Amino acid sequence: NALSFVEDYVRVKVYIEKLEVGSALYWKRMGDSCMKAGRYDQAESYYRTSVALDPKNPDTWYNMGIVLRDLGRYREAIRAFHETLQITPGDPDVWERIGTLYMVIEDEVNARDAYNRSQVLLARAG
C-alpha cells in the first residue's frame, strides 16, 4: 500500500532526525544495542553518557539498572532503579526488581518493603 509506505517513510525520517549523533537518545540507543548483544560494560558506558546529557529519561536509568544487575553490581543497580522511580514513581515492575536485588544482597527488610510497594501498586492498578 503506497500510503503505508509514505507513512513509514515519514516515521523513519522523524526518528532519524530526533536521533542526532551525540544526543542523549543516540547514546541510549547505542547502549540498548550493546545490551542486546551482551556487551554490558560498553552498554553501561553509553547509558552513563546518555544520563549525563538527559538525567530525566527513566528508560535509560531502567536499562542501566538491568546492565548493572547483569554485571553483578547490585547496589549500583538498585540506585539506578531508584533514579527511575524518581522520574516515574509508582512503577510496580521497578519495585519488584529492587526487591529481587535486595534479596540477592541478603537485605530482607528492604526486599520485603520493595515487594510490598510493588504489590500495593499492582492492587491499585488492577
C-alpha atoms as a PDB file:
ATOM      1  CA  ASN A   1       0.000   0.000   0.000  1.00  0.00           C
ATOM      2  CA  ALA A   2       1.522   3.312  -1.119  1.00  0.00           C
ATOM      3  CA  LEU A   3       0.024   5.267   1.761  1.00  0.00           C
ATOM      4  CA  SER A   4       1.545   2.995   4.415  1.00  0.00           C
ATOM      5  CA  PHE A   5       4.917   3.245   2.654  1.00  0.00           C
ATOM      6  CA  VAL A   6       4.736   7.056   2.838  1.00  0.00           C
ATOM      7  CA  GLU A   7       3.652   6.898   6.486  1.00  0.00           C
ATOM      8  CA  ASP A   8       6.536   4.561   7.303  1.00  0.00           C
ATOM      9  CA  TYR A   9       8.977   6.801   5.448  1.00  0.00           C
ATOM     10  CA  VAL A  10       7.817   9.852   7.397  1.00  0.00           C
ATOM     11  CA  ARG A  11       8.020   7.961  10.700  1.00  0.00           C
ATOM     12  CA  VAL A  12      11.575   6.803   9.976  1.00  0.00           C
ATOM     13  CA  LYS A  13      12.624  10.280   8.825  1.00  0.00           C
ATOM     14  CA  VAL A  14      11.308  11.857  12.032  1.00  0.00           C
ATOM     15  CA  TYR A  15      13.009   9.156  14.107  1.00  0.00           C
ATOM     16  CA  ILE A  16      16.359   9.698  12.386  1.00  0.00           C
ATOM     17  CA  GLU A  17      16.108  13.458  12.789  1.00  0.00           C
ATOM     18  CA  LYS A  18      15.496  13.034  16.526  1.00  0.00           C
ATOM     19  CA  LEU A  19      18.366  10.569  16.771  1.00  0.00           C
ATOM     20  CA  GLU A  20      21.136  13.114  16.299  1.00  0.00           C
ATOM     21  CA  VAL A  21      24.622  11.751  16.797  1.00  0.00           C
ATOM     22  CA  GLY A  22      25.773  12.737  20.253  1.00  0.00           C
ATOM     23  CA  SER A  23      22.247  13.284  21.624  1.00  0.00           C
ATOM     24  CA  ALA A  24      21.056  11.567  24.782  1.00  0.00           C
ATOM     25  CA  LEU A  25      18.727   9.402  22.684  1.00  0.00           C
ATOM     26  CA  TYR A  26      21.606   8.406  20.404  1.00  0.00           C
ATOM     27  CA  TRP A  27      23.697   7.221  23.378  1.00  0.00           C
ATOM     28  CA  LYS A  28      20.697   5.416  24.870  1.00  0.00           C
ATOM     29  CA  ARG A  29      20.109   3.549  21.597  1.00  0.00           C
ATOM     30  CA  MET A  30      23.816   2.653  21.439  1.00  0.00           C
ATOM     31  CA  GLY A  31      23.508   1.300  24.984  1.00  0.00           C
ATOM     32  CA  ASP A  32      20.393  -0.648  24.049  1.00  0.00           C
ATOM     33  CA  SER A  33      22.216  -2.211  21.112  1.00  0.00           C
ATOM     34  CA  CYS A  34      25.173  -3.232  23.268  1.00  0.00           C
ATOM     35  CA  MET A  35      22.896  -4.585  25.992  1.00  0.00           C
ATOM     36  CA  LYS A  36      21.097  -6.799  23.479  1.00  0.00           C
ATOM     37  CA  ALA A  37      24.470  -8.057  22.240  1.00  0.00           C
ATOM     38  CA  GLY A  38      25.586  -8.863  25.797  1.00  0.00           C
ATOM     39  CA  ARG A  39      28.288  -6.164  25.829  1.00  0.00           C
ATOM     40  CA  TYR A  40      27.292  -4.845  29.246  1.00  0.00           C
ATOM     41  CA  ASP A  41      30.428  -2.810  30.025  1.00  0.00           C
ATOM     42  CA  GLN A  42      30.026  -0.861  26.789  1.00  0.00           C
ATOM     43  CA  ALA A  43      26.265  -0.505  27.353  1.00  0.00           C
ATOM     44  CA  GLU A  44      26.896   0.962  30.797  1.00  0.00           C
ATOM     45  CA  SER A  45      29.307   3.489  29.325  1.00  0.00           C
ATOM     46  CA  TYR A  46      26.761   4.587  26.712  1.00  0.00           C
ATOM     47  CA  TYR A  47      23.965   4.813  29.281  1.00  0.00           C
ATOM     48  CA  ARG A  48      26.145   6.947  31.553  1.00  0.00           C
ATOM     49  CA  THR A  49      26.808   9.306  28.655  1.00  0.00           C
ATOM     50  CA  SER A  50      23.080   9.435  27.918  1.00  0.00           C
ATOM     51  CA  VAL A  51      22.059  10.242  31.505  1.00  0.00           C
ATOM     52  CA  ALA A  52      24.758  12.906  31.717  1.00  0.00           C
ATOM     53  CA  LEU A  53      23.026  14.610  28.776  1.00  0.00           C
ATOM     54  CA  ASP A  54      19.453  13.845  29.888  1.00  0.00           C
ATOM     55  CA  PRO A  55      19.179  12.735  33.526  1.00  0.00           C
ATOM     56  CA  LYS A  56      15.367  12.677  33.335  1.00  0.00           C
ATOM     57  CA  ASN A  57      14.938   9.721  30.958  1.00  0.00           C
ATOM     58  CA  PRO A  58      13.524   6.878  33.064  1.00  0.00           C
ATOM     59  CA  ASP A  59      14.087   4.281  30.329  1.00  0.00           C
ATOM     60  CA  THR A  60      17.814   4.953  30.307  1.00  0.00           C
ATOM     61  CA  TRP A  61      18.052   4.637  34.096  1.00  0.00           C
ATOM     62  CA  TYR A  62      15.964   1.451  33.979  1.00  0.00           C
ATOM     63  CA  ASN A  63      18.175  -0.123  31.315  1.00  0.00           C
ATOM     64  CA  MET A  64      21.282   0.914  33.233  1.00  0.00           C
ATOM     65  CA  GLY A  65      19.821  -0.889  36.240  1.00  0.00           C
ATOM     66  CA  ILE A  66      19.425  -4.033  34.145  1.00  0.00           C
ATOM     67  CA  VAL A  67      23.002  -3.795  32.861  1.00  0.00           C
ATOM     68  CA  LEU A  68      24.461  -3.168  36.329  1.00  0.00           C
ATOM     69  CA  ARG A  69      22.454  -6.106  37.657  1.00  0.00           C
ATOM     70  CA  ASP A  70      23.833  -8.332  34.905  1.00  0.00           C
ATOM     71  CA  LEU A  71      27.347  -7.113  35.729  1.00  0.00           C
ATOM     72  CA  GLY A  72      26.786  -8.225  39.336  1.00  0.00           C
ATOM     73  CA  ARG A  73      26.876  -4.667  40.675  1.00  0.00           C
ATOM     74  CA  TYR A  74      23.661  -4.989  42.626  1.00  0.00           C
ATOM     75  CA  ARG A  75      23.851  -1.908  44.847  1.00  0.00           C
ATOM     76  CA  GLU A  76      24.536   0.304  41.838  1.00  0.00           C
ATOM     77  CA  ALA A  77      21.630  -1.348  40.035  1.00  0.00           C
ATOM     78  CA  ILE A  78      19.359  -0.552  42.980  1.00  0.00           C
ATOM     79  CA  ARG A  79      20.460   3.103  42.790  1.00  0.00           C
ATOM     80  CA  ALA A  80      19.741   3.200  39.042  1.00  0.00           C
ATOM     81  CA  PHE A  81      16.268   1.747  39.608  1.00  0.00           C
ATOM     82  CA  HIS A  82      15.648   4.337  42.326  1.00  0.00           C
ATOM     83  CA  GLU A  83      16.567   7.035  39.799  1.00  0.00           C
ATOM     84  CA  THR A  84      13.895   5.560  37.532  1.00  0.00           C
ATOM     85  CA  LEU A  85      11.374   5.875  40.352  1.00  0.00           C
ATOM     86  CA  GLN A  86      12.360   9.499  40.982  1.00  0.00           C
ATOM     87  CA  ILE A  87      11.240  10.284  37.438  1.00  0.00           C
ATOM     88  CA  THR A  88       8.288   7.899  37.164  1.00  0.00           C
ATOM     89  CA  PRO A  89       7.149   6.976  40.660  1.00  0.00           C
ATOM     90  CA  GLY A  90       4.777   4.140  41.186  1.00  0.00           C
ATOM     91  CA  ASP A  91       6.061   1.536  38.745  1.00  0.00           C
ATOM     92  CA  PRO A  92       5.437  -1.895  40.330  1.00  0.00           C
ATOM     93  CA  ASP A  93       7.915  -3.613  37.983  1.00  0.00           C
ATOM     94  CA  VAL A  94      10.749  -1.372  39.168  1.00  0.00           C
ATOM     95  CA  TRP A  95       9.878  -2.014  42.813  1.00  0.00           C
ATOM     96  CA  GLU A  96       9.841  -5.756  42.140  1.00  0.00           C
ATOM     97  CA  ARG A  97      13.285  -5.589  40.531  1.00  0.00           C
ATOM     98  CA  ILE A  98      14.579  -3.612  43.502  1.00  0.00           C
ATOM     99  CA  GLY A  99      13.116  -6.228  45.840  1.00  0.00           C
ATOM    100  CA  THR A 100      14.836  -9.016  43.950  1.00  0.00           C
ATOM    101  CA  LEU A 101      18.169  -7.194  44.131  1.00  0.00           C
ATOM    102  CA  TYR A 102      17.778  -6.652  47.862  1.00  0.00           C
ATOM    103  CA  MET A 103      17.188 -10.398  48.231  1.00  0.00           C
ATOM    104  CA  VAL A 104      20.361 -11.096  46.266  1.00  0.00           C
ATOM    105  CA  ILE A 105      22.394  -8.919  48.648  1.00  0.00           C
ATOM    106  CA  GLU A 106      20.557 -10.505  51.604  1.00  0.00           C
ATOM    107  CA  ASP A 107      18.792  -7.346  52.787  1.00  0.00           C
ATOM    108  CA  GLU A 108      15.490  -8.953  53.673  1.00  0.00           C
ATOM    109  CA  VAL A 109      13.942  -5.881  55.310  1.00  0.00           C
ATOM    110  CA  ASN A 110      14.359  -3.679  52.233  1.00  0.00           C
ATOM    111  CA  ALA A 111      13.405  -6.571  49.950  1.00  0.00           C
ATOM    112  CA  ARG A 112      10.131  -7.043  51.810  1.00  0.00           C
ATOM    113  CA  ASP A 113       9.438  -3.296  51.680  1.00  0.00           C
ATOM    114  CA  ALA A 114      10.082  -3.158  47.924  1.00  0.00           C
ATOM    115  CA  TYR A 115       7.911  -6.223  47.249  1.00  0.00           C
ATOM    116  CA  ASN A 116       5.114  -4.762  49.394  1.00  0.00           C
ATOM    117  CA  ARG A 117       5.269  -1.494  47.449  1.00  0.00           C
ATOM    118  CA  SER A 118       5.078  -3.441  44.208  1.00  0.00           C
ATOM    119  CA  GLN A 119       2.017  -5.395  45.390  1.00  0.00           C
ATOM    120  CA  VAL A 120       0.213  -2.264  46.615  1.00  0.00           C
ATOM    121  CA  LEU A 121       0.787  -0.566  43.263  1.00  0.00           C
ATOM    122  CA  LEU A 122      -0.407  -3.638  41.364  1.00  0.00           C
ATOM    123  CA  ALA A 123      -3.557  -3.814  43.504  1.00  0.00           C
ATOM    124  CA  ARG A 124      -4.305  -0.142  42.809  1.00  0.00           C
ATOM    125  CA  ALA A 125      -3.826  -0.627  39.070  1.00  0.00           C
ATOM    126  CA  GLY A 126      -5.956  -3.749  38.907  1.00  0.00           C
END
